[in-house]
Amino acid sequence: MKAVKCSFCGNEIARGTGKIYATKEGNVSYFCSGKCEKNSLKLKRSKERTKWTLSYHKEKGIRLGSRQKKEK
């Protein structure tokens, strides 16, 4: 079975969890949590400008956890 990824943060969604949002135009968005759903739909935030998403880290070229290694 193909794993589904969150449309906002990019994390994998476990089977049987999360939410599916479909628009009138037929676009489907998958959300892993209420936090992702609210940031995307209600607050209209961009996933590339939100620091805790995978898209932000890919765009900036930052590895997750690399910041903690540099500080030590």
Protein backbone atom coordinates (compact mmCIF):
# COMPACT_ATOMS: atom_id res chain seq x y z
CA MET A 1 0.00 0.00 0.00
CA LYS A 2 1.33 3.42 -0.93
CA ALA A 3 2.08 5.74 2.00
CA VAL A 4 0.32 9.09 1.93
CA LYS A 5 2.21 12.28 2.81
CA CYS A 6 0.78 15.37 4.45
CA SER A 7 0.10 18.13 1.92
CA PHE A 8 1.48 20.79 4.28
CA CYS A 9 4.35 19.43 6.37
CA GLY A 10 5.40 16.45 4.22
CA ASN A 11 5.36 13.81 6.98
CA GLU A 12 3.97 10.37 6.25
CA ILE A 13 0.44 9.74 7.49
CA ALA A 14 -0.26 6.42 9.18
CA ARG A 15 -3.07 4.40 7.68
CA GLY A 16 -6.42 5.16 9.33
CA THR A 17 -5.36 8.56 10.68
CA GLY A 18 -5.37 12.14 9.40
CA LYS A 19 -7.92 14.08 7.38
CA ILE A 20 -8.75 14.42 3.71
CA TYR A 21 -9.93 17.78 2.35
CA ALA A 22 -11.49 17.95 -1.12
CA THR A 23 -12.34 21.20 -2.91
CA LYS A 24 -15.17 21.79 -5.40
CA GLU A 25 -12.59 21.79 -8.21
CA GLY A 26 -11.54 18.25 -7.31
CA ASN A 27 -8.22 19.02 -5.61
CA VAL A 28 -7.47 16.70 -2.69
CA SER A 29 -5.31 17.63 0.30
CA TYR A 30 -4.18 15.25 3.03
CA PHE A 31 -3.42 16.49 6.54
CA CYS A 32 -1.70 14.61 9.36
CA SER A 33 -2.92 16.89 12.15
CA GLY A 34 -5.15 19.82 13.00
CA LYS A 35 -2.05 21.99 13.16
CA CYS A 36 -1.27 21.39 9.48
CA GLU A 37 -4.89 21.79 8.44
CA LYS A 38 -5.29 25.11 10.27
CA ASN A 39 -2.01 26.55 8.96
CA SER A 40 -2.91 25.65 5.40
CA LEU A 41 -6.64 26.35 5.12
CA LYS A 42 -7.55 28.89 7.80
CA LEU A 43 -4.32 30.87 8.20
CA LYS A 44 -3.29 30.53 4.49
CA ARG A 45 0.38 30.03 5.38
CA SER A 46 2.96 28.92 2.85
CA LYS A 47 4.68 25.61 3.61
CA GLU A 48 7.97 26.96 2.23
CA ARG A 49 7.94 29.84 4.76
CA THR A 50 6.89 27.81 7.83
CA LYS A 51 10.03 26.73 9.69
CA TRP A 52 8.83 23.37 11.03
CA THR A 53 7.89 21.86 7.63
CA LEU A 54 10.06 19.64 5.45
CA SER A 55 9.54 21.95 2.46
CA TYR A 56 11.18 24.83 4.35
CA HIS A 57 14.23 22.70 5.17
CA LYS A 58 14.56 21.46 1.58
CA GLU A 59 14.32 25.00 0.18
CA LYS A 60 16.87 26.41 2.63
CA GLY A 61 19.19 23.41 2.36
CA ILE A 62 19.07 22.79 6.11
CA ARG A 63 19.26 19.29 7.51
CA LEU A 64 17.02 18.45 10.40
CA GLY A 65 19.10 18.13 13.55
CA SER A 66 22.20 19.79 12.08
CA ARG A 67 21.54 22.97 14.07
CA GLN A 68 21.84 21.06 17.37
CA LYS A 69 25.15 19.47 16.34
CA LYS A 70 26.70 22.85 15.50
CA GLU A 71 25.74 24.33 18.89
CA LYS A 72 27.44 21.53 20.88
